[in-house]
Protein backbone atom coordinates (compact mmCIF):
# COMPACT_ATOMS: atom_id res chain seq x y z
CA MET A 1 -33.45 -10.15 -3.39
CA ASN A 2 -31.54 -8.03 -5.86
CA GLY A 3 -28.33 -8.59 -3.88
CA SER A 4 -28.85 -12.39 -4.04
CA ARG A 5 -29.37 -12.27 -7.80
CA SER A 6 -26.28 -10.13 -8.24
CA ARG A 7 -24.23 -12.64 -6.27
CA ARG A 8 -25.55 -15.52 -8.43
CA VAL A 9 -24.67 -13.59 -11.61
CA ALA A 10 -21.20 -12.88 -10.25
CA ALA A 11 -20.79 -16.59 -9.37
CA GLN A 12 -21.78 -17.72 -12.90
CA ARG A 13 -19.45 -15.19 -14.46
CA GLY A 14 -16.65 -16.26 -12.13
CA ILE A 15 -17.04 -19.94 -13.18
CA SER A 16 -16.94 -19.01 -16.89
CA SER A 17 -13.86 -16.85 -16.31
CA ILE A 18 -12.10 -19.71 -14.47
CA VAL A 19 -12.80 -22.15 -17.34
CA VAL A 20 -11.55 -19.67 -19.95
CA VAL A 21 -8.39 -19.00 -17.93
CA ALA A 22 -7.80 -22.77 -17.53
CA LEU A 23 -8.14 -23.31 -21.30
CA ALA A 24 -5.77 -20.44 -22.00
CA LEU A 25 -3.19 -21.88 -19.59
CA VAL A 26 -3.44 -25.38 -21.16
CA THR A 27 -3.01 -23.89 -24.66
CA ILE A 28 0.06 -21.92 -23.54
CA VAL A 29 1.59 -25.05 -21.94
CA LEU A 30 1.00 -27.09 -25.12
CA ALA A 31 2.56 -24.40 -27.28
CA PHE A 32 5.56 -24.19 -24.97
CA VAL A 33 6.07 -28.00 -25.02
CA ALA A 34 5.81 -28.07 -28.83
CA VAL A 35 8.44 -25.33 -29.10
CA LEU A 36 10.76 -27.28 -26.77
CA LEU A 37 10.34 -30.49 -28.81
CA PHE A 38 10.97 -28.65 -32.07
CA ALA A 39 14.08 -27.00 -30.64
CA ASP A 40 15.36 -30.42 -29.46
CA VAL A 41 14.83 -31.95 -32.93
CA VAL A 42 16.65 -29.05 -34.60
CA ALA A 43 19.56 -29.37 -32.16
CA LYS A 44 19.88 -33.11 -32.81
CA GLU A 45 19.77 -32.60 -36.58
CA ARG A 46 22.57 -30.05 -36.28
CA THR A 47 24.58 -32.53 -34.17
CA ALA A 48 24.12 -35.27 -36.79
CA LYS A 49 25.26 -32.96 -39.60
CA ALA A 50 28.32 -31.92 -37.57
CA LEU A 51 29.22 -35.59 -36.97
CA GLU A 52 28.86 -36.42 -40.67
CA LYS A 53 31.12 -33.52 -41.58
CA ARG A 54 33.63 -34.64 -38.94
CA LEU A 55 33.60 -38.17 -40.41
CA GLU A 56 34.31 -36.79 -43.87
CA ASN A 57 37.25 -34.80 -42.49
CA LEU A 58 38.60 -37.95 -40.79
CA HIS A 59 38.42 -39.89 -44.06
CA ALA A 60 40.28 -37.08 -45.85
CA ASP A 61 42.96 -37.06 -43.12
CA GLN A 62 43.29 -40.84 -43.37
CA ALA A 63 43.79 -40.66 -47.14
CA ARG A 64 46.42 -37.96 -46.73
CA ILE A 65 48.28 -40.00 -44.07
CA THR A 66 48.17 -43.13 -46.26
CA LYS A 67 49.62 -41.23 -49.18
CA ALA A 68 52.39 -39.78 -47.02
CA ARG A 69 53.19 -43.24 -45.61
CA LYS A 70 53.51 -44.70 -49.09
CA GLY A 71 55.88 -41.92 -50.09
CA SER A 72 58.02 -42.43 -46.97
CA LEU A 73 58.38 -46.21 -47.44
CA ALA A 74 59.91 -46.05 -50.93
CA PRO A 75 63.39 -44.88 -49.85
CA THR A 76 63.58 -47.58 -47.17
CA GLY A 77 62.92 -50.41 -49.58
CA PHE A 78 60.09 -51.82 -47.41
CA THR A 79 57.14 -53.55 -48.98
CA GLN A 80 53.64 -52.47 -48.03
CA ALA A 81 51.14 -55.11 -47.05
CA ALA A 82 47.61 -55.20 -48.41
CA PRO A 83 45.54 -52.49 -46.66
CA ALA A 84 42.68 -53.42 -44.36
CA THR A 85 39.28 -51.80 -44.83
CA THR A 86 36.80 -50.28 -42.36
CA PRO A 87 33.02 -50.98 -42.44
CA GLU A 88 32.58 -47.67 -44.29
CA GLY A 89 35.10 -48.60 -46.99
CA GLY A 90 38.15 -46.73 -45.62
CA GLU A 91 41.65 -48.22 -45.73
CA VAL A 92 43.69 -49.00 -42.62
CA SER A 93 47.28 -49.99 -43.51
CA GLU A 94 49.46 -51.97 -41.11
CA ALA A 95 53.28 -51.87 -41.40
CA PRO A 96 55.22 -55.16 -41.04
CA PRO A 97 56.91 -55.87 -37.71
CA ALA A 98 60.60 -55.07 -37.17
CA GLU A 99 61.80 -58.75 -37.48
CA HIS A 100 60.42 -58.96 -41.03
CA LEU A 101 62.32 -55.91 -42.35
CA PRO A 102 64.11 -56.65 -45.75
CA VAL A 103 67.68 -56.07 -44.54
CA ASP A 104 69.32 -58.11 -47.33
CA ALA A 105 67.33 -56.34 -50.00
CA ALA A 106 68.32 -53.00 -48.56
CA LYS A 107 72.03 -53.96 -48.55
CA SER A 108 71.81 -55.17 -52.15
CA TYR A 109 70.12 -51.96 -53.18
CA LEU A 110 72.79 -49.83 -51.52
CA LYS A 111 75.60 -51.97 -53.03
CA ASP A 112 74.23 -51.50 -56.53
CA ARG A 113 73.89 -47.79 -56.00
CA ARG A 114 77.47 -47.61 -54.61
CA GLU A 115 79.00 -49.53 -57.52
CA LYS A 116 77.17 -47.34 -59.95
CA LEU A 117 78.46 -44.24 -58.24
CA LEU A 118 82.05 -45.63 -58.03
CA GLU A 119 82.19 -46.72 -61.64
CA LYS A 120 85.33 -45.11 -63.18
CA PRO A 121 85.00 -43.07 -66.35
CA THR A 122 87.05 -43.75 -69.50
CA GLN A 123 90.74 -42.84 -68.99
CA GLN A 124 92.29 -40.29 -71.37
CA ASP A 125 95.91 -39.90 -72.11
CA PRO A 126 97.30 -37.96 -69.23
CA GLY A 127 100.13 -36.70 -71.34
CA ARG A 128 97.91 -34.60 -73.33
CA ASP A 129 96.68 -32.57 -70.31
CA PRO A 130 98.70 -32.66 -67.04
CA ALA A 131 96.00 -30.77 -65.11
CA LEU A 132 93.34 -33.23 -66.15
CA ALA A 133 95.53 -36.14 -65.19
CA SER A 134 96.05 -34.65 -61.74
CA ASN A 135 92.32 -34.17 -61.26
CA LEU A 136 91.59 -37.73 -62.27
CA GLN A 137 94.04 -39.01 -59.71
CA ASP A 138 92.37 -36.95 -57.03
CA PHE A 139 88.95 -38.31 -58.02
CA ASP A 140 90.23 -41.89 -57.94
CA LYS A 141 91.61 -41.40 -54.46
CA LYS A 142 88.40 -39.80 -53.25
CA TYR A 143 86.15 -42.50 -54.65
CA ALA A 144 88.47 -45.18 -53.26
CA ASP A 145 87.95 -43.75 -49.76
CA LEU A 146 84.21 -43.68 -50.32
CA ALA A 147 84.30 -47.29 -51.42
CA ARG A 148 86.20 -48.37 -48.35
CA ASN A 149 83.73 -46.53 -46.11
CA ALA A 150 80.74 -47.99 -47.92
CA THR A 151 81.98 -51.58 -47.61
CA GLY A 152 83.14 -51.26 -44.00
CA GLU A 153 81.48 -51.03 -40.56
CA ARG A 154 80.46 -47.38 -41.18
CA ALA A 155 78.22 -48.42 -44.02
CA PHE A 156 76.48 -50.97 -41.82
CA ASN A 157 75.98 -48.33 -39.10
CA THR A 158 74.38 -45.99 -41.60
CA LEU A 159 71.92 -48.68 -42.70
CA GLU A 160 71.08 -49.52 -39.08
CA GLU A 161 70.40 -45.86 -38.35
CA LEU A 162 68.11 -45.66 -41.36
CA VAL A 163 66.25 -48.75 -40.21
CA GLY A 164 65.74 -47.27 -36.70
CA ILE A 165 64.45 -44.04 -38.11
CA ALA A 166 62.12 -45.90 -40.45
CA ALA A 167 60.86 -48.12 -37.62
CA THR A 168 60.15 -45.06 -35.46
CA ARG A 169 58.18 -43.49 -38.26
CA VAL A 170 56.25 -46.69 -38.81
CA ILE A 171 55.35 -46.92 -35.09
CA VAL A 172 54.18 -43.30 -35.07
CA ALA A 173 52.09 -43.98 -38.17
CA MET A 174 50.57 -47.07 -36.52
CA ASN A 175 49.69 -45.06 -33.39
CA LEU A 176 48.05 -42.38 -35.50
CA ALA A 177 46.16 -45.05 -37.41
CA ASP A 178 44.93 -46.61 -34.14
CA GLN A 179 43.85 -43.18 -32.90
CA ARG A 180 41.99 -42.53 -36.15
CA ARG A 181 40.33 -45.93 -35.93
CA VAL A 182 39.11 -45.25 -32.36
CA GLU A 183 37.82 -41.83 -33.42
CA GLU A 184 36.02 -43.40 -36.35
CA GLU A 185 34.38 -45.97 -34.08
CA LEU A 186 33.23 -43.23 -31.67
CA ALA A 187 31.93 -41.16 -34.56
CA GLU A 188 30.08 -44.18 -35.92
CA GLU A 189 28.46 -44.84 -32.55
CA ARG A 190 27.43 -41.20 -32.23
CA LYS A 191 26.07 -41.23 -35.76
CA ASN A 192 24.04 -44.38 -35.08
CA ALA A 193 22.71 -42.94 -31.80
CA ALA A 194 21.73 -39.68 -33.49
CA ALA A 195 20.02 -41.58 -36.30
CA GLU A 196 18.13 -43.72 -33.78
CA ASN A 197 17.01 -40.66 -31.78
CA LYS A 198 16.12 -38.86 -34.98
CA ASN A 199 13.91 -41.72 -36.07
CA ASN A 200 12.22 -42.11 -32.66
CA LEU A 201 11.80 -38.41 -31.81
CA PRO A 202 9.11 -37.51 -34.36
CA THR A 203 7.08 -40.59 -33.34
CA SER A 204 7.12 -39.57 -29.64
CA ALA A 205 6.31 -35.98 -30.48
CA VAL A 206 3.37 -36.99 -32.65
CA GLU A 207 1.99 -39.27 -29.94
CA TYR A 208 2.38 -36.55 -27.30
CA ASN A 209 0.76 -33.95 -29.56
CA ALA A 210 -2.12 -36.34 -30.20
CA GLU A 211 -2.59 -36.82 -26.46
CA LEU A 212 -2.56 -33.06 -25.86
CA GLU A 213 -5.04 -32.49 -28.69
CA GLY A 214 -7.33 -35.07 -27.10
CA LYS A 215 -7.20 -33.25 -23.77
CA ILE A 216 -7.84 -29.93 -25.50
CA ALA A 217 -10.86 -31.44 -27.21
CA GLU A 218 -12.21 -32.68 -23.86
CA VAL A 219 -11.76 -29.28 -22.21
CA THR A 220 -13.34 -27.54 -25.21
CA LYS A 221 -16.33 -29.87 -25.03
CA ALA A 222 -16.73 -29.22 -21.31
CA LYS A 223 -16.58 -25.46 -21.95
CA ASN A 224 -19.22 -25.71 -24.68
CA ASP A 225 -21.47 -27.70 -22.34
CA ILE A 226 -21.09 -25.07 -19.63
CA ASP A 227 -21.79 -22.25 -22.11
CA THR A 228 -24.89 -24.04 -23.41
CA HIS A 229 -26.17 -24.76 -19.91
CA SER A 230 -25.60 -21.21 -18.66
CA LYS A 231 -26.90 -19.42 -21.76
CA ASP A 232 -30.53 -19.44 -20.61
CA ARG A 233 -29.50 -18.51 -17.10
CA VAL A 234 -27.46 -15.59 -18.37
CA ALA A 235 -30.39 -14.39 -20.47
CA GLY A 236 -32.66 -14.47 -17.42
CA LEU A 237 -30.10 -12.61 -15.34
CA GLU A 238 -29.69 -9.98 -18.05
CA LYS A 239 -33.45 -9.46 -18.01
CA GLU A 240 -33.40 -9.05 -14.23
CA ILE A 241 -30.49 -6.62 -14.55
CA ALA A 242 -32.46 -4.55 -17.06
CA GLU A 243 -35.47 -4.42 -14.72
CA THR A 244 -33.23 -3.51 -11.80
CA ARG A 245 -31.68 -0.70 -13.83
CA LYS A 246 -35.14 0.68 -14.57
CA LYS A 247 -35.92 0.63 -10.84
CA ILE A 248 -32.62 2.36 -10.13
CA GLU A 249 -33.45 5.09 -12.64
CA THR A 250 -36.85 5.57 -10.99
CA LEU A 251 -35.21 5.75 -7.57
CA LYS A 252 -32.69 8.27 -8.89
CA ILE A 253 -35.52 10.48 -10.13
CA ASP A 254 -37.25 10.27 -6.74
CA TYR A 255 -33.96 10.93 -4.99
CA ASN A 256 -33.33 14.02 -7.11
CA LYS A 257 -36.79 15.30 -6.25
CA GLU A 258 -36.18 14.75 -2.55
CA THR A 259 -32.75 16.37 -2.85
CA ILE A 260 -34.29 19.46 -4.42
CA SER A 261 -36.95 19.59 -1.71
CA PHE A 262 -34.34 19.14 1.00
CA SER A 263 -32.18 21.88 -0.53
CA ASN A 264 -35.15 24.22 -0.50
CA ARG A 265 -35.82 23.47 3.16
CA VAL A 266 -32.14 23.98 4.00
CA ASN A 267 -32.11 27.31 2.19
CA LYS A 268 -35.23 28.34 4.07
CA LEU A 269 -33.70 27.35 7.40
CA ARG A 270 -30.52 29.21 6.52
CA ALA A 271 -32.54 32.31 5.78
CA GLU A 272 -34.30 31.94 9.13
CA LEU A 273 -30.93 31.41 10.79
CA GLU A 274 -29.61 34.62 9.27
CA GLU A 275 -32.64 36.39 10.68
CA LEU A 276 -31.94 34.89 14.10
CA LYS A 277 -28.35 36.12 14.00
CA VAL A 278 -29.47 39.72 14.01
CA LYS A 279 -31.65 39.22 17.07
CA GLU A 280 -30.78 41.01 20.29
CA VAL A 281 -30.55 39.52 23.76
CA ILE A 282 -33.99 38.87 25.26
CA ARG A 283 -34.07 39.81 28.91
CA LEU A 284 -36.31 37.87 31.28
CA GLU A 285 -39.36 40.02 31.95
CA ILE A 286 -41.38 39.07 35.04
CA SER A 287 -44.90 40.06 34.09
CA GLU A 288 -46.97 37.10 35.28
CA ALA A 289 -48.45 36.82 38.78
CA HIS A 290 -48.90 33.36 40.28
CA GLY A 291 -51.58 34.13 42.88
CA LYS A 292 -52.93 36.60 45.44
CA LEU A 293 -52.22 37.40 49.05
CA LEU A 294 -55.20 36.80 51.40
CA SER A 295 -55.88 38.16 54.90
CA PRO A 296 -52.43 39.50 55.76
CA ASP A 297 -51.83 39.86 59.54
CA ILE A 298 -48.99 42.34 59.67
CA PRO A 299 -48.43 42.31 63.46
CA ASN A 300 -48.25 38.51 63.52
CA ARG A 301 -46.55 38.39 60.13
CA VAL A 302 -48.95 35.74 58.87
CA ALA A 303 -51.03 35.61 55.70
CA PHE A 304 -52.61 33.22 53.19
CA ILE A 305 -52.41 32.77 49.42
CA ASP A 306 -55.05 31.43 47.03
CA ARG A 307 -52.82 28.63 45.72
CA GLY A 308 -52.48 25.16 47.26
CA SER A 309 -50.98 21.78 46.59
CA ARG A 310 -53.22 21.48 43.53
CA GLU A 311 -51.09 24.20 41.93
CA ARG A 312 -47.78 22.57 42.96
CA ILE A 313 -47.29 24.78 46.06
CA VAL A 314 -44.81 23.23 48.50
CA PRO A 315 -43.50 24.38 51.90
CA GLY A 316 -40.39 26.49 51.63
CA LEU A 317 -41.48 28.15 48.39
CA LYS A 318 -40.82 31.90 48.39
CA PHE A 319 -42.80 34.64 46.65
CA LEU A 320 -42.30 38.34 46.25
CA VAL A 321 -45.41 40.37 47.03
CA ALA A 322 -46.02 43.09 44.46
CA ARG A 323 -48.57 45.34 42.89
CA LYS A 324 -48.94 46.58 39.34
CA GLY A 325 -47.24 49.90 38.76
CA ALA A 326 -46.51 52.18 35.83
CA GLN A 327 -46.50 50.51 32.40
CA GLY A 328 -47.75 47.29 34.01
CA ARG A 329 -44.52 46.57 35.82
CA PHE A 330 -44.42 45.04 39.28
CA GLU A 331 -43.61 47.18 42.30
CA TYR A 332 -42.35 44.82 45.03
CA LYS A 333 -43.66 45.41 48.58
CA GLY A 334 -42.34 42.41 50.53
CA LYS A 335 -41.53 38.71 50.65
CA VAL A 336 -43.44 35.68 51.97
CA LEU A 337 -42.46 32.06 52.73
CA VAL A 338 -44.88 29.12 52.42
CA LYS A 339 -45.32 27.35 55.75
CA LYS A 340 -48.39 25.13 55.43
CA VAL A 341 -50.16 23.87 52.34
CA TRP A 342 -53.73 22.72 51.76
CA MET A 343 -55.51 21.70 48.61
CA THR A 344 -56.64 25.13 47.50
CA TYR A 345 -54.73 27.56 49.70
CA ALA A 346 -51.62 27.83 51.81
CA GLU A 347 -50.38 29.66 54.88
CA VAL A 348 -47.36 31.91 54.43
CA ALA A 349 -45.07 33.85 56.75
CA ILE A 350 -44.30 37.46 55.97
CA THR A 351 -40.51 37.56 56.03
CA GLU A 352 -39.86 41.03 54.68
CA ILE A 353 -41.64 44.35 54.14
CA VAL A 354 -39.88 46.75 51.81
CA ASP A 355 -41.56 49.97 53.04
CA PRO A 356 -43.55 50.07 56.29
CA LYS A 357 -45.49 52.96 54.85
CA VAL A 358 -46.69 50.66 52.07
CA PRO A 359 -48.10 47.69 53.96
CA LEU A 360 -49.17 44.39 52.48
CA VAL A 361 -52.91 44.31 51.79
CA ASP A 362 -55.46 41.73 50.78
CA GLY A 363 -55.31 41.11 47.03
CA ASP A 364 -51.61 41.86 46.50
CA LEU A 365 -49.99 39.68 43.84
CA ILE A 366 -47.41 36.98 44.51
CA VAL A 367 -44.59 36.49 41.97
CA ASN A 368 -41.81 33.90 41.46
CA PRO A 369 -40.34 33.27 37.96
CA LEU A 370 -39.01 29.89 39.18
CA PHE A 371 -42.56 28.64 39.85
CA HIS A 372 -45.29 27.48 37.48
CA PRO A 373 -48.63 26.08 38.64
CA ARG A 374 -48.84 23.35 35.96
CA ARG A 375 -45.25 22.19 35.22
CA PRO A 376 -41.65 22.53 36.47
CA VAL A 377 -39.77 25.59 35.28
CA VAL A 378 -36.63 24.52 33.34
CA VAL A 379 -33.55 26.74 33.70
CA HIS A 380 -29.91 26.52 32.61
CA PHE A 381 -26.86 28.11 34.26
CA LEU A 382 -24.50 29.91 31.92
CA GLY A 383 -21.12 31.23 33.07
CA GLU A 384 -18.93 30.65 36.12
CA LYS A 385 -19.80 27.88 38.52
CA ASP A 386 -18.55 29.86 41.51
CA ALA A 387 -19.14 33.57 41.02
CA GLY A 388 -17.86 35.28 44.18
CA ARG A 389 -19.15 38.71 43.19
CA LEU A 390 -22.80 37.64 43.39
CA ARG A 391 -24.92 38.27 46.46
CA PRO A 392 -25.73 35.84 47.86
CA SER A 393 -22.47 34.21 46.78
CA TRP A 394 -23.90 30.80 45.96
CA THR A 395 -22.30 28.33 43.64
CA THR A 396 -24.38 27.06 40.76
CA ALA A 397 -24.66 23.71 42.57
CA GLU A 398 -26.19 25.37 45.68
CA ALA A 399 -28.55 27.46 43.59
CA GLY A 400 -29.56 24.38 41.60
CA ARG A 401 -30.33 22.49 44.81
CA ARG A 402 -32.62 25.31 46.03
CA ILE A 403 -34.38 25.43 42.66
CA ALA A 404 -34.97 21.65 42.77
CA GLU A 405 -36.44 21.93 46.30
CA ILE A 406 -39.26 24.15 45.03
CA GLY A 407 -40.12 21.70 42.23
CA SER A 408 -38.29 23.26 39.28
CA GLU A 409 -35.53 21.72 37.17
CA VAL A 410 -31.96 22.70 36.23
CA ARG A 411 -30.88 21.49 32.76
CA GLU A 412 -27.18 20.73 32.30
CA ARG A 413 -27.22 21.54 28.58
CA LEU A 414 -28.92 24.32 26.68
CA THR A 415 -31.96 22.90 24.88
CA LEU A 416 -35.08 24.32 23.28
CA ASP A 417 -37.30 23.46 26.27
CA VAL A 418 -35.32 25.75 28.63
CA ASP A 419 -37.59 28.54 29.92
CA PHE A 420 -34.76 30.98 30.61
CA VAL A 421 -31.00 31.11 31.21
CA ILE A 422 -29.43 32.24 34.51
CA PHE A 423 -26.35 34.30 33.70
CA THR A 424 -23.46 33.97 36.26
CA TRP A 425 -20.51 35.57 34.41
CA SER A 426 -18.55 38.07 36.48
CA LYS A 427 -17.60 40.00 33.31
CA ALA A 428 -20.23 40.82 30.74
CA ALA A 429 -17.65 40.98 27.91
CA ALA A 430 -16.61 37.37 28.52
CA ALA A 431 -20.22 36.19 28.22
CA LYS A 432 -20.59 37.55 24.69
CA GLU A 433 -17.74 35.30 23.50
CA ASP A 434 -19.29 32.17 25.01
CA GLU A 435 -20.75 29.77 22.42
CA GLU A 436 -23.77 28.83 24.59
CA TYR A 437 -24.52 32.50 25.16
CA LYS A 438 -24.58 33.04 21.38
CA ARG A 439 -26.76 29.95 20.96
CA ALA A 440 -29.25 31.20 23.56
CA VAL A 441 -29.46 34.53 21.73
CA LEU A 442 -30.04 32.77 18.38
CA LEU A 443 -32.72 30.51 19.87
CA GLY A 444 -34.47 33.48 21.49
CA ILE A 445 -34.24 32.09 25.05
CA PRO A 446 -34.60 34.81 27.74
CA ILE A 447 -31.48 35.57 29.79
CA GLU A 448 -31.40 37.00 33.31
CA GLU A 449 -28.58 37.72 35.74
CA ALA A 450 -28.24 35.38 38.69
CA SER A 451 -28.52 38.22 41.24
CA GLU A 452 -32.05 39.03 39.98
CA VAL A 453 -33.16 35.39 40.15
CA TYR A 454 -31.56 34.60 43.52
CA ARG A 455 -33.96 37.10 45.20
CA PHE A 456 -36.68 34.44 44.88
CA LEU A 457 -34.47 31.83 46.62
CA GLU A 458 -33.11 33.78 49.63
CA ASP A 459 -34.15 32.89 53.15
């Protein structure tokens, strides 16, 4: 239940976070678009100012060219036609064509200038100053040559050359004027386009900004509706969170108590384990008899025992016959093998007598540590699986099979329910390094060598 509530809280918070992020992104986009529009307006205003300044420079260049043209026409004697005007008030002068050039006026002007230059000064009496008279004669001769040149073909060639030069200059001036006129027209078109864009741009920007503001208002309204709708839900979830936190604190207190209790138990077990580590090896001590020998017939090697199938006696089970000796220990006298079994007793064959001078008698005890009248005896082999030094030299598999035949059990792993461990190591030093050997010692499980146990399995 708490997990479901936590997921619902996370879902509500996730929706609010998505809405806030969406609003932030829309605001950033609007701000970016506004900056771009403002930058575009500023760039166009700068372009318009640059064009206006360029137009002013063109007008100044046109005035300078017009002034230079007027100054260059005076020496040629040409007349300047009335200047044309541009839509902005500028003048555009056009020179007359070559066939309308005032050739006669130019010749008359040059003739007057020549006569004025060739006009002779007042003659003085040459007798008064011979040097002066000689100089005057030289001047007369020189001016006479100039007069002949001025009135001849050379003079006409000079005028024609001047006219060609003047015409070339006029053509160049007309080309420049045409170029200026084209530039002015282009500048005017650019100026008009910039003015048109400048007038339309603010209107488009205002409309776009109004549209964006409308969208922002819609998103803001939707966000407010979501906040209002989820406010009560959030309050309820916060209350549940507070209650859950109280439960968590209570659980933490209980957990700490259990942790302390567990630590105490662990410390106690560790102390017990330390005590177990100092324990010595417990040897298997055979001190329990499992029945009595009845009516032994030594010549026929037949006898009976007071245990039957009710006590888990089976044919093939072997017992050592013994009597109590010093300090309560068994003194073995012989060995018997179960042949027939009834409910309360069984017939056995006497297979071995240790000392003929100490015969088997009625009432002797029968012993086998691998037998128990109420349950199977559980054993575990520890050591080498094939110990050749043992007598009989059985493998652990063969010994386990014989143990199973008499109703006992061989456990593959060392557990707490093992009655005792059968030790098959050929070297005692190697056994002490074995981990299972150490575990058996710590658990207090009795350990006995295989040769001592195999006596109760031999034929």
